[in-house]
Amino acid sequence: MTAFRLWSATSLAALAFTVSATREPSALAETRHLPVVVDLESCEPLLMAEVRRIVGVELRATVVDAVDAGNAVTRVVATCRGGEVDLLLADAATAKRLERSVALAEAAPTARARLVALAVAELVVASWQEVENRPQPQEPALPSPQPPAQPMTRVAEGASVKQASAMAEAIGVVRAFPWSGLWLLGAGARGHFTLSQPFTLALEITAEWGKASRATGQVAARAIGGAMGLGLAVERSWAFIMPWAGARAGVARLTGEPSPGSATSGETQSGSCLGPEVGVGATFFPHAPVHATVALSVGAMLLGVRGEVAGDSSVDVLGPWAALVVGVGLTKP
């Protein structure tokens, strides 16, 4: 009977020790995984993001924003003051405040975020150790589950963050009809509208003027037209590049201007113009409020106006042409 009682007492003691040993790590694990708030004041945004990431890795805890945190959390405020960072910790579990300063003046720029993060982690661990060393630790009430912190994603170099949805430009244009030696100068407006990435609609309207010389005088040309094209946009952080294909249409008017003393008379001819065109354009600084643009295009007027010149070659707004466009405009994100 005595041996049975001794065996029973020994078994109960072993069971109590096992239960105690299993409960203590559980309480420690729960304490170490409480949310941590890390706020940086007067610091660079990139430094803030990197410090929060490293603190989360070092403590194996969730780093949350102050607006999303409950009351039972560990809060650390880091204030950047020139070459130093002042740290202030307030722990809901211990009701104590810890302070520390970190000197960054002699640290390399690439190591400053890690230096601050390790100092923050040391303060938090020191606060948590007070909870672990209490004879009768009081478990703080756990806040409602918080959504996991969204991982930060790096944007690849050269990729755009957000594509512009519309761009409008005031443009100047130089257009040449090489078969008749006619050069036209003009001005107008141009717009790009993103339909569904990467497809972009390009619209343009211009008024153009020019003259071509002949032996008996000059032929003045005036044209008003517009173009519509569909392009494939390739956007980078510094430029918006778009090749396109479309059609151009309008009206043209040719007026003969005889030289003084010439026996010829001047006549006027007018008509419609229509033909295909292709081109490529580049818009620089597409995400800035004001951007610059340049474009090259070629095409052919299959329907146009021919100005016959007696004893000389005709002046035509007809056949192949090439154009250079430059402009400045506004961007709507």
Protein backbone atom coordinates (compact mmCIF):
# COMPACT_ATOMS: atom_id res chain seq x y z
CA MET A 1 0.00 0.00 0.00
CA THR A 2 2.81 2.37 0.84
CA ALA A 3 4.57 1.57 -2.46
CA PHE A 4 1.32 2.24 -4.36
CA ARG A 5 0.95 5.67 -2.68
CA LEU A 6 4.60 6.54 -3.47
CA TRP A 7 4.12 5.54 -7.11
CA SER A 8 0.91 7.62 -7.35
CA ALA A 9 2.56 10.73 -5.89
CA THR A 10 5.49 10.39 -8.26
CA SER A 11 3.16 10.03 -11.26
CA LEU A 12 1.12 13.10 -10.32
CA ALA A 13 4.31 15.20 -9.92
CA ALA A 14 5.56 14.09 -13.34
CA LEU A 15 2.19 14.88 -14.90
CA ALA A 16 2.11 18.35 -13.31
CA PHE A 17 5.65 19.08 -14.54
CA THR A 18 4.70 17.97 -18.09
CA VAL A 19 1.60 20.18 -18.16
CA SER A 20 3.59 23.14 -16.81
CA ALA A 21 6.35 22.63 -19.38
CA THR A 22 3.89 22.52 -22.25
CA ARG A 23 1.92 25.60 -21.12
CA GLU A 24 4.93 27.92 -20.68
CA PRO A 25 6.16 27.78 -24.30
CA SER A 26 2.59 28.30 -25.48
CA ALA A 27 2.24 31.48 -23.44
CA LEU A 28 5.61 32.69 -24.68
CA ALA A 29 4.68 31.98 -28.30
CA GLU A 30 1.44 33.92 -27.97
CA THR A 31 3.29 36.88 -26.43
CA ARG A 32 5.92 36.93 -29.12
CA HIS A 33 3.33 36.99 -31.88
CA LEU A 34 1.39 40.00 -30.65
CA PRO A 35 1.06 42.70 -33.32
CA VAL A 36 3.73 45.39 -33.35
CA VAL A 37 3.15 48.98 -34.51
CA VAL A 38 6.20 50.78 -35.92
CA ASP A 39 5.67 54.44 -36.83
CA LEU A 40 8.39 56.60 -38.37
CA GLU A 41 8.11 60.37 -38.20
CA SER A 42 10.05 62.82 -40.40
CA CYS A 43 11.75 59.87 -42.11
CA GLU A 44 12.01 58.90 -45.76
CA PRO A 45 9.15 56.64 -47.02
CA LEU A 46 11.61 54.02 -48.32
CA LEU A 47 13.34 53.90 -44.91
CA MET A 48 9.95 53.40 -43.21
CA ALA A 49 8.97 50.46 -45.42
CA GLU A 50 12.34 48.70 -45.07
CA VAL A 51 12.46 49.16 -41.26
CA ARG A 52 8.98 47.64 -40.89
CA ARG A 53 9.92 44.69 -43.07
CA ILE A 54 13.11 43.90 -41.14
CA VAL A 55 11.38 44.28 -37.74
CA GLY A 56 8.74 41.77 -38.81
CA VAL A 57 11.44 39.28 -39.86
CA GLU A 58 13.53 39.72 -36.68
CA LEU A 59 10.59 39.42 -34.26
CA ARG A 60 8.54 36.93 -36.28
CA ALA A 61 5.58 39.19 -35.57
CA THR A 62 3.01 41.00 -37.64
CA VAL A 63 3.84 44.69 -38.16
CA VAL A 64 0.60 46.65 -38.55
CA ASP A 65 -0.39 50.28 -39.08
CA ALA A 66 -1.53 52.30 -36.06
CA VAL A 67 -5.00 52.82 -37.56
CA ASP A 68 -5.48 49.04 -37.88
CA ALA A 69 -4.09 48.08 -34.46
CA GLY A 70 -6.01 47.41 -31.28
CA ASN A 71 -5.04 48.56 -27.79
CA ALA A 72 -3.06 45.48 -26.70
CA VAL A 73 -0.04 45.95 -28.93
CA THR A 74 3.56 47.04 -28.67
CA ARG A 75 4.04 50.49 -30.20
CA VAL A 76 7.37 51.97 -31.29
CA VAL A 77 7.69 55.53 -32.61
CA ALA A 78 10.94 56.39 -34.43
CA THR A 79 11.61 60.09 -35.05
CA CYS A 80 14.34 61.08 -37.52
CA ARG A 81 16.35 64.10 -36.37
CA GLY A 82 19.23 64.80 -38.75
CA GLY A 83 21.86 62.13 -38.15
CA GLU A 84 19.98 60.45 -35.27
CA VAL A 85 16.77 58.49 -34.77
CA ASP A 86 14.96 58.70 -31.40
CA LEU A 87 13.03 55.54 -30.42
CA LEU A 88 10.09 55.53 -27.97
CA LEU A 89 8.37 52.23 -27.02
CA ALA A 90 5.03 51.95 -25.24
CA ASP A 91 3.92 48.41 -24.34
CA ALA A 92 0.32 47.68 -23.37
CA ALA A 93 1.38 44.53 -21.53
CA THR A 94 3.94 46.19 -19.24
CA ALA A 95 2.52 49.74 -19.17
CA LYS A 96 6.09 51.00 -19.45
CA ARG A 97 7.92 53.30 -21.83
CA LEU A 98 11.43 52.68 -23.12
CA GLU A 99 13.59 55.20 -24.98
CA ARG A 100 16.74 54.98 -27.03
CA SER A 101 18.65 56.99 -29.65
CA VAL A 102 20.42 55.54 -32.69
CA ALA A 103 23.23 57.47 -34.44
CA LEU A 104 23.14 57.16 -38.24
CA ALA A 105 25.73 59.76 -39.23
CA GLU A 106 28.57 57.24 -39.63
CA ALA A 107 26.42 54.41 -41.04
CA ALA A 108 26.33 53.69 -44.77
CA PRO A 109 23.02 54.70 -46.42
CA THR A 110 22.30 51.07 -47.33
CA ALA A 111 22.76 49.94 -43.70
CA ARG A 112 20.67 52.62 -41.97
CA ALA A 113 17.34 50.83 -42.28
CA ARG A 114 18.75 47.63 -40.78
CA LEU A 115 20.48 49.55 -37.97
CA VAL A 116 17.21 51.25 -36.97
CA ALA A 117 15.23 48.01 -37.32
CA LEU A 118 17.60 46.06 -35.06
CA ALA A 119 17.40 48.81 -32.41
CA VAL A 120 13.59 48.66 -32.56
CA ALA A 121 13.67 44.86 -32.26
CA GLU A 122 15.94 45.05 -29.18
CA LEU A 123 13.53 47.43 -27.44
CA VAL A 124 10.56 45.18 -28.20
CA VAL A 125 12.40 42.03 -26.98
CA ALA A 126 13.40 43.83 -23.76
CA SER A 127 9.76 44.72 -23.15
CA TRP A 128 8.56 41.20 -23.89
CA GLN A 129 11.15 39.71 -21.51
CA GLU A 130 9.49 41.60 -18.63
CA VAL A 131 6.28 39.71 -19.38
CA GLU A 132 8.11 36.37 -19.53
CA ASN A 133 9.91 36.94 -16.21
CA ARG A 134 6.78 37.84 -14.20
CA PRO A 135 5.93 35.20 -11.50
CA GLN A 136 2.27 35.28 -12.57
CA PRO A 137 2.15 36.75 -16.08
CA GLN A 138 -1.11 38.29 -17.09
CA GLU A 139 -1.99 37.47 -20.65
CA PRO A 140 -3.19 40.59 -22.50
CA ALA A 141 -6.43 40.37 -24.37
CA LEU A 142 -5.72 39.49 -27.95
CA PRO A 143 -7.08 41.96 -30.50
CA SER A 144 -9.42 40.86 -33.23
CA PRO A 145 -7.61 39.06 -36.07
CA GLN A 146 -5.94 41.50 -38.40
CA PRO A 147 -5.47 40.88 -42.10
CA PRO A 148 -1.88 39.93 -42.96
CA ALA A 149 0.33 42.76 -44.05
CA GLN A 150 0.36 43.04 -47.81
CA PRO A 151 3.78 42.17 -49.22
CA MET A 152 5.61 44.97 -50.91
CA THR A 153 6.21 44.47 -54.59
CA ARG A 154 9.06 46.08 -56.46
CA VAL A 155 8.30 47.64 -59.80
CA ALA A 156 10.78 46.45 -62.39
CA GLU A 157 13.10 49.14 -63.64
CA GLY A 158 11.66 50.79 -66.73
CA ALA A 159 8.09 49.59 -66.10
CA SER A 160 5.35 52.10 -65.62
CA VAL A 161 3.31 52.33 -62.47
CA LYS A 162 0.14 53.58 -64.06
CA GLN A 163 -0.70 54.05 -67.70
CA ALA A 164 -2.09 57.36 -68.86
CA SER A 165 -5.72 57.05 -69.97
CA ALA A 166 -5.81 60.13 -72.22
CA MET A 167 -3.43 62.71 -73.68
CA ALA A 168 -4.21 65.89 -75.63
CA GLU A 169 -1.62 67.91 -77.54
CA ALA A 170 -1.21 71.10 -79.56
CA ILE A 171 0.96 70.20 -82.56
CA GLY A 172 2.88 71.66 -85.44
CA VAL A 173 3.31 69.66 -88.67
CA VAL A 174 5.55 69.67 -91.75
CA ARG A 175 4.20 67.57 -94.65
CA ALA A 176 5.92 66.97 -97.99
CA PHE A 177 4.57 65.63 -101.30
CA PRO A 178 7.85 64.61 -103.00
CA TRP A 179 6.40 63.96 -106.50
CA SER A 180 5.36 67.59 -106.94
CA GLY A 181 7.85 69.28 -104.59
CA LEU A 182 5.07 70.67 -102.40
CA TRP A 183 5.78 71.45 -98.74
CA LEU A 184 2.97 72.24 -96.29
CA LEU A 185 3.32 73.79 -92.83
CA GLY A 186 0.46 73.61 -90.38
CA ALA A 187 -0.87 73.39 -86.86
CA GLY A 188 -3.58 71.46 -85.10
CA ALA A 189 -4.52 69.18 -82.24
CA ARG A 190 -3.93 65.54 -81.44
CA GLY A 191 -5.24 63.12 -78.83
CA HIS A 192 -4.57 59.59 -77.59
CA PHE A 193 -7.22 57.57 -75.76
CA THR A 194 -6.50 54.20 -74.16
CA LEU A 195 -9.24 51.76 -75.15
CA SER A 196 -7.96 48.57 -73.56
CA GLN A 197 -4.26 48.16 -72.87
CA PRO A 198 -2.24 48.12 -75.03
CA PHE A 199 -4.66 49.36 -77.72
CA THR A 200 -4.84 53.14 -78.10
CA LEU A 201 -6.96 55.30 -80.41
CA ALA A 202 -5.17 58.26 -82.03
CA LEU A 203 -7.10 61.25 -83.43
CA GLU A 204 -5.66 64.28 -85.25
CA ILE A 205 -6.92 67.41 -87.01
CA THR A 206 -4.74 69.97 -88.82
CA ALA A 207 -4.86 73.01 -91.08
CA GLU A 208 -1.89 73.31 -93.48
CA TRP A 209 -0.58 75.88 -95.98
CA GLY A 210 2.21 75.93 -98.55
CA LYS A 211 3.40 76.94 -102.04
CA ALA A 212 5.21 75.29 -104.91
CA SER A 213 7.12 77.33 -107.51
CA ARG A 214 6.91 76.81 -111.26
CA ALA A 215 8.40 78.66 -114.23
CA THR A 216 5.27 80.77 -114.77
CA GLY A 217 4.51 81.49 -111.11
CA GLN A 218 3.48 79.76 -107.92
CA VAL A 219 0.70 77.42 -106.82
CA ALA A 220 -0.68 78.05 -103.32
CA ALA A 221 -2.04 75.04 -101.47
CA ARG A 222 -4.37 74.91 -98.47
CA ALA A 223 -5.59 71.73 -96.78
CA ILE A 224 -7.77 70.91 -93.83
CA GLY A 225 -7.89 67.31 -92.70
CA GLY A 226 -7.97 64.80 -89.96
CA ALA A 227 -6.69 61.32 -89.23
CA MET A 228 -7.72 58.34 -87.15
CA GLY A 229 -5.48 55.43 -86.24
CA LEU A 230 -5.26 52.43 -83.94
CA GLY A 231 -1.94 51.87 -82.18
CA LEU A 232 -0.18 49.49 -79.83
CA ALA A 233 1.13 51.45 -76.86
CA VAL A 234 4.45 50.58 -75.23
CA GLU A 235 4.76 52.66 -72.05
CA ARG A 236 7.84 53.23 -69.96
CA SER A 237 8.48 55.54 -67.02
CA TRP A 238 10.08 58.14 -69.31
CA ALA A 239 8.27 57.68 -72.64
CA PHE A 240 5.05 56.52 -74.27
CA ILE A 241 5.87 54.92 -77.65
CA MET A 242 3.13 53.99 -80.09
CA PRO A 243 3.24 52.70 -83.67
CA TRP A 244 -0.12 53.06 -85.42
CA ALA A 245 -1.95 52.51 -88.70
CA GLY A 246 -5.01 54.37 -89.93
CA ALA A 247 -6.44 56.70 -92.54
CA ARG A 248 -6.36 60.42 -93.34
CA ALA A 249 -9.15 62.43 -94.99
CA GLY A 250 -9.84 66.09 -95.72
CA VAL A 251 -10.23 68.75 -98.39
CA ALA A 252 -7.57 70.65 -100.35
CA ARG A 253 -7.58 73.81 -102.47
CA LEU A 254 -4.95 74.78 -105.08
CA THR A 255 -4.76 78.33 -106.48
CA GLY A 256 -2.49 79.46 -109.32
CA GLU A 257 -0.57 82.72 -108.78
CA PRO A 258 1.07 83.83 -112.10
CA SER A 259 4.30 85.78 -112.03
CA PRO A 260 4.05 89.50 -112.95
CA GLY A 261 4.11 89.87 -116.73
CA SER A 262 3.29 86.20 -117.29
CA ALA A 263 0.79 85.35 -120.02
CA THR A 264 -0.77 82.61 -117.92
CA SER A 265 -3.84 83.03 -115.74
CA GLY A 266 -4.49 81.64 -112.29
CA GLU A 267 -7.22 79.13 -111.61
CA THR A 268 -8.49 77.38 -108.49
CA GLN A 269 -9.01 73.66 -108.09
CA SER A 270 -10.36 71.94 -104.96
CA GLY A 271 -11.56 68.54 -103.87
CA SER A 272 -11.53 65.80 -101.27
CA CYS A 273 -8.51 63.84 -100.10
CA LEU A 274 -8.40 60.30 -98.71
CA GLY A 275 -5.74 57.67 -98.12
CA PRO A 276 -3.99 55.35 -95.64
CA GLU A 277 -1.17 56.26 -93.29
CA VAL A 278 1.20 54.58 -90.83
CA GLY A 279 3.50 56.11 -88.26
CA VAL A 280 5.26 55.94 -84.93
CA GLY A 281 5.19 58.53 -82.15
CA ALA A 282 6.96 59.08 -78.85
CA THR A 283 5.58 61.06 -75.92
CA PHE A 284 8.20 62.06 -73.37
CA PHE A 285 7.40 62.34 -69.62
CA PRO A 286 3.89 60.86 -70.10
CA HIS A 287 3.13 60.92 -66.34
CA ALA A 288 4.01 64.60 -65.90
CA PRO A 289 1.24 67.23 -66.08
CA VAL A 290 2.84 68.58 -69.28
CA HIS A 291 4.57 66.36 -71.84
CA ALA A 292 6.33 66.70 -75.22
CA THR A 293 5.65 64.58 -78.30
CA VAL A 294 7.25 63.86 -81.67
CA ALA A 295 5.97 61.61 -84.47
CA LEU A 296 6.91 60.49 -87.98
CA SER A 297 4.30 59.26 -90.46
CA VAL A 298 4.02 58.33 -94.13
CA GLY A 299 1.04 57.72 -96.33
CA ALA A 300 -0.50 58.16 -99.77
CA MET A 301 -3.46 60.21 -100.95
CA LEU A 302 -5.33 57.82 -103.21
CA LEU A 303 -7.98 60.48 -103.71
CA GLY A 304 -6.74 64.07 -103.93
CA VAL A 305 -6.43 67.30 -105.91
CA ARG A 306 -4.20 67.86 -108.98
CA GLY A 307 -3.23 71.36 -110.05
CA GLU A 308 -2.28 71.39 -113.73
CA VAL A 309 0.38 73.93 -114.73
CA ALA A 310 0.70 74.93 -118.40
CA GLY A 311 4.09 73.93 -119.81
CA ASP A 312 5.30 72.53 -116.47
CA SER A 313 4.72 69.69 -114.01
CA SER A 314 1.55 69.70 -111.95
CA VAL A 315 1.29 70.57 -108.25
CA ASP A 316 -0.59 67.80 -106.45
CA VAL A 317 -2.07 67.09 -103.06
CA LEU A 318 -2.04 63.50 -104.26
CA GLY A 319 0.19 60.45 -104.06
CA PRO A 320 2.81 59.62 -101.40
CA TRP A 321 3.66 61.99 -98.58
CA ALA A 322 5.75 62.11 -95.39
CA ALA A 323 5.19 64.22 -92.27
CA LEU A 324 6.95 65.27 -89.07
CA VAL A 325 4.86 66.28 -86.04
CA VAL A 326 6.06 67.96 -82.84
CA GLY A 327 3.90 69.15 -80.00
CA VAL A 328 3.27 69.77 -76.33
CA GLY A 329 0.28 68.64 -74.34
CA LEU A 330 -1.46 67.60 -71.13
CA THR A 331 -1.83 64.15 -69.59
CA LYS A 332 -4.89 62.79 -67.80
CA PRO A 333 -3.96 59.79 -65.57
